[in-house]
Each structure stands twice: as C-alpha cells, then as structure tokens.
Amino acid sequence: MIDLMLNADAWTDVDADVEALVDQWKVSEGDTVQAGQVLLTVVLIKASMDILAPAAGRMEKILVPSGATFARDAILGRLQEALST
C-alpha cells in the first residue's frame, strides 16, 4: 500500500498552520491507474500542483475528498500497487 501525500518540498517556507486544498481528484476509488498518471490536483498558497501515481495499481481509498483542506503530512489517499508478474 502506498500513502499519497503532498511532497514535503512543497511545504518549504510555508507556515506550519497553513493548509492546502484538494482541488479535484482525477480518479475514483477502485480505478486502475498507471505510473505517472495524474491522480489529483491540490492548491497550496495560490499554486496548483498535480500529484502523480508513483506506481501502477488500483486507487484503494480516497481519504481527503475534493474541496476539503488538509494539513502538512496528511495522507490524501492510498494506492494498492500492482503486483509484478
């Protein structure tokens, strides 16, 4: 299981109490995804960023829905990595 989070580098020079926003999920729970596919878009201090699938697999769980805010180190969703054959 892979936890999906906003990269720690995005939070550099951002106050600890600032939250980001999940703008839009591009996939739904249960969807099959490919490595590098855009899974969701987030906004942090007027900057929009895509979060990409780090591996091929299935979108297991969305933990922070579109329109919700989240804090630093929040897990946004979980990806079940595809088994290699």
PDB file of N, CA and C in Angstrom:
ATOM      1  N   MET A   1       0.853  -1.172   0.000  1.00  0.00           N
ATOM      2  CA  MET A   1       0.000   0.000   0.000  1.00  0.00           C
ATOM      3  C   MET A   1       0.901   1.239   0.000  1.00  0.00           C
ATOM      4  N   ILE A   2       0.586   2.178  -0.853  1.00  0.00           N
ATOM      5  CA  ILE A   2       1.351   3.420  -0.957  1.00  0.00           C
ATOM      6  C   ILE A   2       0.470   4.571  -0.475  1.00  0.00           C
ATOM      7  N   ASP A   3       0.960   5.313   0.515  1.00  0.00           N
ATOM      8  CA  ASP A   3       0.253   6.501   1.002  1.00  0.00           C
ATOM      9  C   ASP A   3       0.556   7.663   0.066  1.00  0.00           C
ATOM     10  N   LEU A   4      -0.472   8.367  -0.353  1.00  0.00           N
ATOM     11  CA  LEU A   4      -0.325   9.521  -1.240  1.00  0.00           C
ATOM     12  C   LEU A   4      -0.359  10.794  -0.409  1.00  0.00           C
ATOM     13  N   MET A   5       0.694  11.599  -0.565  1.00  0.00           N
ATOM     14  CA  MET A   5       0.834  12.829   0.202  1.00  0.00           C
ATOM     15  C   MET A   5       1.385  13.918  -0.704  1.00  0.00           C
ATOM     16  N   LEU A   6       1.207  15.157  -0.301  1.00  0.00           N
ATOM     17  CA  LEU A   6       1.848  16.266  -0.991  1.00  0.00           C
ATOM     18  C   LEU A   6       3.321  16.246  -0.606  1.00  0.00           C
ATOM     19  N   ASN A   7       4.194  16.299  -1.594  1.00  0.00           N
ATOM     20  CA  ASN A   7       5.633  16.229  -1.393  1.00  0.00           C
ATOM     21  C   ASN A   7       6.081  17.244  -0.341  1.00  0.00           C
ATOM     22  N   ALA A   8       6.963  16.821   0.540  1.00  0.00           N
ATOM     23  CA  ALA A   8       7.456  17.680   1.614  1.00  0.00           C
ATOM     24  C   ALA A   8       8.104  18.952   1.075  1.00  0.00           C
ATOM     25  N   ASP A   9       8.703  18.889  -0.107  1.00  0.00           N
ATOM     26  CA  ASP A   9       9.330  20.080  -0.700  1.00  0.00           C
ATOM     27  C   ASP A   9       8.312  21.187  -0.964  1.00  0.00           C
ATOM     28  N   ALA A  10       7.071  20.819  -1.219  1.00  0.00           N
ATOM     29  CA  ALA A  10       6.028  21.822  -1.483  1.00  0.00           C
ATOM     30  C   ALA A  10       5.760  22.676  -0.252  1.00  0.00           C
ATOM     31  N   TRP A  11       6.043  22.135   0.920  1.00  0.00           N
ATOM     32  CA  TRP A  11       5.759  22.833   2.170  1.00  0.00           C
ATOM     33  C   TRP A  11       6.918  23.708   2.644  1.00  0.00           C
ATOM     34  N   THR A  12       8.038  23.710   1.898  1.00  0.00           N
ATOM     35  CA  THR A  12       9.187  24.528   2.278  1.00  0.00           C
ATOM     36  C   THR A  12       8.769  25.997   2.345  1.00  0.00           C
ATOM     37  N   ASP A  13       9.149  26.662   3.401  1.00  0.00           N
ATOM     38  CA  ASP A  13       8.854  28.083   3.616  1.00  0.00           C
ATOM     39  C   ASP A  13       7.363  28.374   3.784  1.00  0.00           C
ATOM     40  N   VAL A  14       6.561  27.356   4.127  1.00  0.00           N
ATOM     41  CA  VAL A  14       5.131  27.545   4.380  1.00  0.00           C
ATOM     42  C   VAL A  14       4.908  27.430   5.887  1.00  0.00           C
ATOM     43  N   ASP A  15       4.196  28.392   6.461  1.00  0.00           N
ATOM     44  CA  ASP A  15       3.907  28.356   7.898  1.00  0.00           C
ATOM     45  C   ASP A  15       3.226  27.048   8.282  1.00  0.00           C
ATOM     46  N   ALA A  16       3.524  26.562   9.469  1.00  0.00           N
ATOM     47  CA  ALA A  16       3.028  25.268   9.936  1.00  0.00           C
ATOM     48  C   ALA A  16       1.502  25.207  10.006  1.00  0.00           C
ATOM     49  N   ASP A  17       0.832  26.332  10.215  1.00  0.00           N
ATOM     50  CA  ASP A  17      -0.623  26.321  10.367  1.00  0.00           C
ATOM     51  C   ASP A  17      -1.378  26.472   9.037  1.00  0.00           C
ATOM     52  N   VAL A  18      -0.656  26.624   7.936  1.00  0.00           N
ATOM     53  CA  VAL A  18      -1.284  26.779   6.621  1.00  0.00           C
ATOM     54  C   VAL A  18      -1.735  25.413   6.113  1.00  0.00           C
ATOM     55  N   GLU A  19      -2.941  25.365   5.544  1.00  0.00           N
ATOM     56  CA  GLU A  19      -3.459  24.129   4.964  1.00  0.00           C
ATOM     57  C   GLU A  19      -3.535  24.259   3.445  1.00  0.00           C
ATOM     58  N   ALA A  20      -3.521  23.122   2.784  1.00  0.00           N
ATOM     59  CA  ALA A  20      -3.687  23.054   1.332  1.00  0.00           C
ATOM     60  C   ALA A  20      -5.106  22.562   1.046  1.00  0.00           C
ATOM     61  N   LEU A  21      -5.505  22.642  -0.215  1.00  0.00           N
ATOM     62  CA  LEU A  21      -6.851  22.268  -0.645  1.00  0.00           C
ATOM     63  C   LEU A  21      -6.765  21.182  -1.714  1.00  0.00           C
ATOM     64  N   VAL A  22      -7.570  20.129  -1.571  1.00  0.00           N
ATOM     65  CA  VAL A  22      -7.713  19.160  -2.661  1.00  0.00           C
ATOM     66  C   VAL A  22      -8.677  19.794  -3.655  1.00  0.00           C
ATOM     67  N   ASP A  23      -8.137  20.201  -4.798  1.00  0.00           N
ATOM     68  CA  ASP A  23      -8.951  20.859  -5.814  1.00  0.00           C
ATOM     69  C   ASP A  23      -9.838  19.842  -6.525  1.00  0.00           C
ATOM     70  N   GLN A  24      -9.213  18.752  -7.003  1.00  0.00           N
ATOM     71  CA  GLN A  24     -10.003  17.759  -7.731  1.00  0.00           C
ATOM     72  C   GLN A  24      -9.272  16.425  -7.806  1.00  0.00           C
ATOM     73  N   TRP A  25      -9.993  15.363  -7.495  1.00  0.00           N
ATOM     74  CA  TRP A  25      -9.500  14.007  -7.752  1.00  0.00           C
ATOM     75  C   TRP A  25      -9.796  13.689  -9.206  1.00  0.00           C
ATOM     76  N   LYS A  26      -8.828  13.158  -9.911  1.00  0.00           N
ATOM     77  CA  LYS A  26      -8.979  12.789 -11.321  1.00  0.00           C
ATOM     78  C   LYS A  26      -9.353  11.318 -11.468  1.00  0.00           C
ATOM     79  N   VAL A  27      -9.309  10.579 -10.354  1.00  0.00           N
ATOM     80  CA  VAL A  27      -9.652   9.157 -10.339  1.00  0.00           C
ATOM     81  C   VAL A  27     -10.638   8.902  -9.206  1.00  0.00           C
ATOM     82  N   SER A  28     -11.250   7.734  -9.228  1.00  0.00           N
ATOM     83  CA  SER A  28     -12.178   7.326  -8.180  1.00  0.00           C
ATOM     84  C   SER A  28     -11.639   6.077  -7.490  1.00  0.00           C
ATOM     85  N   GLU A  29     -12.170   5.790  -6.315  1.00  0.00           N
ATOM     86  CA  GLU A  29     -11.792   4.554  -5.634  1.00  0.00           C
ATOM     87  C   GLU A  29     -12.095   3.374  -6.546  1.00  0.00           C
ATOM     88  N   GLY A  30     -11.156   2.455  -6.618  1.00  0.00           N
ATOM     89  CA  GLY A  30     -11.320   1.257  -7.437  1.00  0.00           C
ATOM     90  C   GLY A  30     -10.755   1.383  -8.837  1.00  0.00           C
ATOM     91  N   ASP A  31     -10.437   2.611  -9.270  1.00  0.00           N
ATOM     92  CA  ASP A  31      -9.872   2.808 -10.613  1.00  0.00           C
ATOM     93  C   ASP A  31      -8.472   2.217 -10.711  1.00  0.00           C
ATOM     94  N   THR A  32      -8.169   1.661 -11.872  1.00  0.00           N
ATOM     95  CA  THR A  32      -6.818   1.210 -12.184  1.00  0.00           C
ATOM     96  C   THR A  32      -6.044   2.411 -12.704  1.00  0.00           C
ATOM     97  N   VAL A  33      -4.823   2.584 -12.212  1.00  0.00           N
ATOM     98  CA  VAL A  33      -4.006   3.737 -12.616  1.00  0.00           C
ATOM     99  C   VAL A  33      -2.648   3.262 -13.115  1.00  0.00           C
ATOM    100  N   GLN A  34      -2.027   4.096 -13.914  1.00  0.00           N
ATOM    101  CA  GLN A  34      -0.687   3.830 -14.443  1.00  0.00           C
ATOM    102  C   GLN A  34       0.324   4.722 -13.730  1.00  0.00           C
ATOM    103  N   ALA A  35       1.547   4.264 -13.621  1.00  0.00           N
ATOM    104  CA  ALA A  35       2.614   5.075 -13.031  1.00  0.00           C
ATOM    105  C   ALA A  35       2.720   6.387 -13.791  1.00  0.00           C
ATOM    106  N   GLY A  36       2.794   7.491 -13.076  1.00  0.00           N
ATOM    107  CA  GLY A  36       2.914   8.808 -13.685  1.00  0.00           C
ATOM    108  C   GLY A  36       1.596   9.471 -14.025  1.00  0.00           C
ATOM    109  N   GLN A  37       0.493   8.761 -13.857  1.00  0.00           N
ATOM    110  CA  GLN A  37      -0.831   9.327 -14.141  1.00  0.00           C
ATOM    111  C   GLN A  37      -1.185  10.356 -13.073  1.00  0.00           C
ATOM    112  N   VAL A  38      -1.823  11.450 -13.479  1.00  0.00           N
ATOM    113  CA  VAL A  38      -2.287  12.457 -12.516  1.00  0.00           C
ATOM    114  C   VAL A  38      -3.457  11.870 -11.724  1.00  0.00           C
ATOM    115  N   LEU A  39      -3.311  11.842 -10.408  1.00  0.00           N
ATOM    116  CA  LEU A  39      -4.364  11.314  -9.539  1.00  0.00           C
ATOM    117  C   LEU A  39      -5.248  12.429  -8.990  1.00  0.00           C
ATOM    118  N   LEU A  40      -4.631  13.545  -8.632  1.00  0.00           N
ATOM    119  CA  LEU A  40      -5.388  14.655  -8.086  1.00  0.00           C
ATOM    120  C   LEU A  40      -4.597  15.944  -8.231  1.00  0.00           C
ATOM    121  N   THR A  41      -5.314  17.053  -8.087  1.00  0.00           N
ATOM    122  CA  THR A  41      -4.707  18.374  -8.116  1.00  0.00           C
ATOM    123  C   THR A  41      -4.965  19.031  -6.770  1.00  0.00           C
ATOM    124  N   VAL A  42      -3.913  19.631  -6.205  1.00  0.00           N
ATOM    125  CA  VAL A  42      -4.033  20.341  -4.933  1.00  0.00           C
ATOM    126  C   VAL A  42      -3.583  21.789  -5.120  1.00  0.00           C
ATOM    127  N   VAL A  43      -4.053  22.641  -4.219  1.00  0.00           N
ATOM    128  CA  VAL A  43      -3.665  24.048  -4.248  1.00  0.00           C
ATOM    129  C   VAL A  43      -3.061  24.390  -2.886  1.00  0.00           C
ATOM    130  N   LEU A  44      -1.860  24.981  -2.944  1.00  0.00           N
ATOM    131  CA  LEU A  44      -1.178  25.425  -1.733  1.00  0.00           C
ATOM    132  C   LEU A  44      -0.679  26.839  -1.989  1.00  0.00           C
ATOM    133  N   ILE A  45      -1.222  27.790  -1.262  1.00  0.00           N
ATOM    134  CA  ILE A  45      -0.856  29.205  -1.389  1.00  0.00           C
ATOM    135  C   ILE A  45      -0.836  29.630  -2.854  1.00  0.00           C
ATOM    136  N   LYS A  46      -1.958  29.553  -3.487  1.00  0.00           N
ATOM    137  CA  LYS A  46      -2.170  30.014  -4.866  1.00  0.00           C
ATOM    138  C   LYS A  46      -1.397  29.242  -5.924  1.00  0.00           C
ATOM    139  N   ALA A  47      -0.738  28.165  -5.559  1.00  0.00           N
ATOM    140  CA  ALA A  47      -0.031  27.335  -6.536  1.00  0.00           C
ATOM    141  C   ALA A  47      -0.763  26.002  -6.678  1.00  0.00           C
ATOM    142  N   SER A  48      -1.046  25.639  -7.907  1.00  0.00           N
ATOM    143  CA  SER A  48      -1.733  24.378  -8.192  1.00  0.00           C
ATOM    144  C   SER A  48      -0.690  23.322  -8.550  1.00  0.00           C
ATOM    145  N   MET A  49      -0.829  22.138  -7.955  1.00  0.00           N
ATOM    146  CA  MET A  49       0.128  21.053  -8.180  1.00  0.00           C
ATOM    147  C   MET A  49      -0.606  19.746  -8.429  1.00  0.00           C
ATOM    148  N   ASP A  50      -0.067  18.946  -9.340  1.00  0.00           N
ATOM    149  CA  ASP A  50      -0.594  17.611  -9.588  1.00  0.00           C
ATOM    150  C   ASP A  50       0.153  16.608  -8.725  1.00  0.00           C
ATOM    151  N   ILE A  51      -0.569  15.633  -8.224  1.00  0.00           N
ATOM    152  CA  ILE A  51       0.056  14.506  -7.542  1.00  0.00           C
ATOM    153  C   ILE A  51      -0.091  13.314  -8.471  1.00  0.00           C
ATOM    154  N   LEU A  52       1.050  12.719  -8.819  1.00  0.00           N
ATOM    155  CA  LEU A  52       1.099  11.625  -9.782  1.00  0.00           C
ATOM    156  C   LEU A  52       1.170  10.285  -9.077  1.00  0.00           C
ATOM    157  N   ALA A  53       0.697   9.264  -9.760  1.00  0.00           N
ATOM    158  CA  ALA A  53       0.805   7.896  -9.243  1.00  0.00           C
ATOM    159  C   ALA A  53       2.278   7.493  -9.254  1.00  0.00           C
ATOM    160  N   PRO A  54       2.816   7.085  -8.106  1.00  0.00           N
ATOM    161  CA  PRO A  54       4.214   6.674  -8.066  1.00  0.00           C
ATOM    162  C   PRO A  54       4.438   5.294  -8.683  1.00  0.00           C
ATOM    163  N   ALA A  55       3.358   4.558  -8.898  1.00  0.00           N
ATOM    164  CA  ALA A  55       3.432   3.210  -9.456  1.00  0.00           C
ATOM    165  C   ALA A  55       2.077   2.857 -10.060  1.00  0.00           C
ATOM    166  N   ALA A  56       2.064   1.841 -10.890  1.00  0.00           N
ATOM    167  CA  ALA A  56       0.795   1.328 -11.421  1.00  0.00           C
ATOM    168  C   ALA A  56       0.071   0.575 -10.306  1.00  0.00           C
ATOM    169  N   GLY A  57      -1.250   0.595 -10.362  1.00  0.00           N
ATOM    170  CA  GLY A  57      -2.015  -0.123  -9.354  1.00  0.00           C
ATOM    171  C   GLY A  57      -3.478   0.246  -9.391  1.00  0.00           C
ATOM    172  N   ARG A  58      -4.107   0.165  -8.215  1.00  0.00           N
ATOM    173  CA  ARG A  58      -5.530   0.458  -8.089  1.00  0.00           C
ATOM    174  C   ARG A  58      -5.715   1.475  -6.976  1.00  0.00           C
ATOM    175  N   MET A  59      -6.539   2.495  -7.247  1.00  0.00           N
ATOM    176  CA  MET A  59      -6.838   3.502  -6.231  1.00  0.00           C
ATOM    177  C   MET A  59      -7.684   2.851  -5.154  1.00  0.00           C
ATOM    178  N   GLU A  60      -7.072   2.590  -4.026  1.00  0.00           N
ATOM    179  CA  GLU A  60      -7.708   1.848  -2.941  1.00  0.00           C
ATOM    180  C   GLU A  60      -8.689   2.712  -2.142  1.00  0.00           C
ATOM    181  N   LYS A  61      -8.239   3.911  -1.721  1.00  0.00           N
ATOM    182  CA  LYS A  61      -9.062   4.718  -0.820  1.00  0.00           C
ATOM    183  C   LYS A  61      -8.726   6.191  -0.980  1.00  0.00           C
ATOM    184  N   ILE A  62      -9.737   7.019  -1.072  1.00  0.00           N
ATOM    185  CA  ILE A  62      -9.582   8.469  -1.048  1.00  0.00           C
ATOM    186  C   ILE A  62      -9.911   8.918   0.372  1.00  0.00           C
ATOM    187  N   LEU A  63      -8.934   9.511   1.041  1.00  0.00           N
ATOM    188  CA  LEU A  63      -9.109   9.904   2.438  1.00  0.00           C
ATOM    189  C   LEU A  63      -9.481  11.371   2.609  1.00  0.00           C
ATOM    190  N   VAL A  64      -9.051  12.231   1.673  1.00  0.00           N
ATOM    191  CA  VAL A  64      -9.397  13.658   1.713  1.00  0.00           C
ATOM    192  C   VAL A  64     -10.137  13.967   0.412  1.00  0.00           C
ATOM    193  N   PRO A  65     -11.421  14.240   0.478  1.00  0.00           N
ATOM    194  CA  PRO A  65     -12.216  14.441  -0.740  1.00  0.00           C
ATOM    195  C   PRO A  65     -11.947  15.789  -1.411  1.00  0.00           C
ATOM    196  N   SER A  66     -12.372  15.917  -2.649  1.00  0.00           N
ATOM    197  CA  SER A  66     -12.292  17.190  -3.373  1.00  0.00           C
ATOM    198  C   SER A  66     -13.004  18.275  -2.568  1.00  0.00           C
ATOM    199  N   GLY A  67     -12.389  19.447  -2.503  1.00  0.00           N
ATOM    200  CA  GLY A  67     -12.971  20.570  -1.785  1.00  0.00           C
ATOM    201  C   GLY A  67     -12.583  20.653  -0.327  1.00  0.00           C
ATOM    202  N   ALA A  68     -11.917  19.627   0.176  1.00  0.00           N
ATOM    203  CA  ALA A  68     -11.509  19.621   1.587  1.00  0.00           C
ATOM    204  C   ALA A  68     -10.071  20.121   1.720  1.00  0.00           C
ATOM    205  N   THR A  69      -9.772  20.699   2.876  1.00  0.00           N
ATOM    206  CA  THR A  69      -8.414  21.142   3.149  1.00  0.00           C
ATOM    207  C   THR A  69      -7.682  20.077   3.954  1.00  0.00           C
ATOM    208  N   PHE A  70      -6.351  20.177   3.917  1.00  0.00           N
ATOM    209  CA  PHE A  70      -5.539  19.216   4.660  1.00  0.00           C
ATOM    210  C   PHE A  70      -4.260  19.893   5.142  1.00  0.00           C
ATOM    211  N   ALA A  71      -3.715  19.344   6.207  1.00  0.00           N
ATOM    212  CA  ALA A  71      -2.505  19.882   6.816  1.00  0.00           C
ATOM    213  C   ALA A  71      -1.271  19.142   6.283  1.00  0.00           C
ATOM    214  N   ARG A  72      -0.139  19.712   6.574  1.00  0.00           N
ATOM    215  CA  ARG A  72       1.150  19.103   6.264  1.00  0.00           C
ATOM    216  C   ARG A  72       1.160  17.659   6.794  1.00  0.00           C
ATOM    217  N   ASP A  73       1.737  16.744   6.049  1.00  0.00           N
ATOM    218  CA  ASP A  73       1.877  15.320   6.404  1.00  0.00           C
ATOM    219  C   ASP A  73       0.569  14.530   6.360  1.00  0.00           C
ATOM    220  N   ALA A  74      -0.510  15.120   5.858  1.00  0.00           N
ATOM    221  CA  ALA A  74      -1.779  14.390   5.747  1.00  0.00           C
ATOM    222  C   ALA A  74      -1.683  13.353   4.633  1.00  0.00           C
ATOM    223  N   ILE A  75      -2.259  12.195   4.867  1.00  0.00           N
ATOM    224  CA  ILE A  75      -2.363  11.165   3.836  1.00  0.00           C
ATOM    225  C   ILE A  75      -3.649  11.438   3.063  1.00  0.00           C
ATOM    226  N   LEU A  76      -3.517  11.684   1.769  1.00  0.00           N
ATOM    227  CA  LEU A  76      -4.663  12.072   0.938  1.00  0.00           C
ATOM    228  C   LEU A  76      -5.419  10.869   0.400  1.00  0.00           C
ATOM    229  N   GLY A  77      -4.725   9.802   0.171  1.00  0.00           N
ATOM    230  CA  GLY A  77      -5.335   8.589  -0.358  1.00  0.00           C
ATOM    231  C   GLY A  77      -4.338   7.448  -0.288  1.00  0.00           C
ATOM    232  N   ARG A  78      -4.813   6.259  -0.665  1.00  0.00           N
ATOM    233  CA  ARG A  78      -3.952   5.076  -0.646  1.00  0.00           C
ATOM    234  C   ARG A  78      -4.072   4.340  -1.977  1.00  0.00           C
ATOM    235  N   LEU A  79      -2.911   3.971  -2.507  1.00  0.00           N
ATOM    236  CA  LEU A  79      -2.813   3.265  -3.780  1.00  0.00           C
ATOM    237  C   LEU A  79      -2.313   1.845  -3.517  1.00  0.00           C
ATOM    238  N   GLN A  80      -3.040   0.873  -4.023  1.00  0.00           N
ATOM    239  CA  GLN A  80      -2.599  -0.516  -3.928  1.00  0.00           C
ATOM    240  C   GLN A  80      -1.739  -0.786  -5.158  1.00  0.00           C
ATOM    241  N   GLU A  81      -0.451  -0.977  -4.945  1.00  0.00           N
ATOM    242  CA  GLU A  81       0.480  -1.196  -6.059  1.00  0.00           C
ATOM    243  C   GLU A  81       0.179  -2.514  -6.748  1.00  0.00           C
ATOM    244  N   ALA A  82       0.251  -2.493  -8.088  1.00  0.00           N
ATOM    245  CA  ALA A  82       0.021  -3.698  -8.879  1.00  0.00           C
ATOM    246  C   ALA A  82       1.140  -4.696  -8.623  1.00  0.00           C
ATOM    247  N   LEU A  83       0.784  -5.958  -8.541  1.00  0.00           N
ATOM    248  CA  LEU A  83       1.790  -6.998  -8.365  1.00  0.00           C
ATOM    249  C   LEU A  83       2.502  -7.225  -9.689  1.00  0.00           C
ATOM    250  N   SER A  84       3.826  -7.248  -9.630  1.00  0.00           N
ATOM    251  CA  SER A  84       4.576  -7.518 -10.856  1.00  0.00           C
ATOM    252  C   SER A  84       4.624  -9.015 -11.101  1.00  0.00           C
ATOM    253  N   THR A  85       4.509  -9.388 -12.372  1.00  0.00           N
ATOM    254  CA  THR A  85       4.482 -10.819 -12.718  1.00  0.00           C
ATOM    255  C   THR A  85       5.730 -11.213 -13.452  1.00  0.00           C
TER     256      THR A  85
END
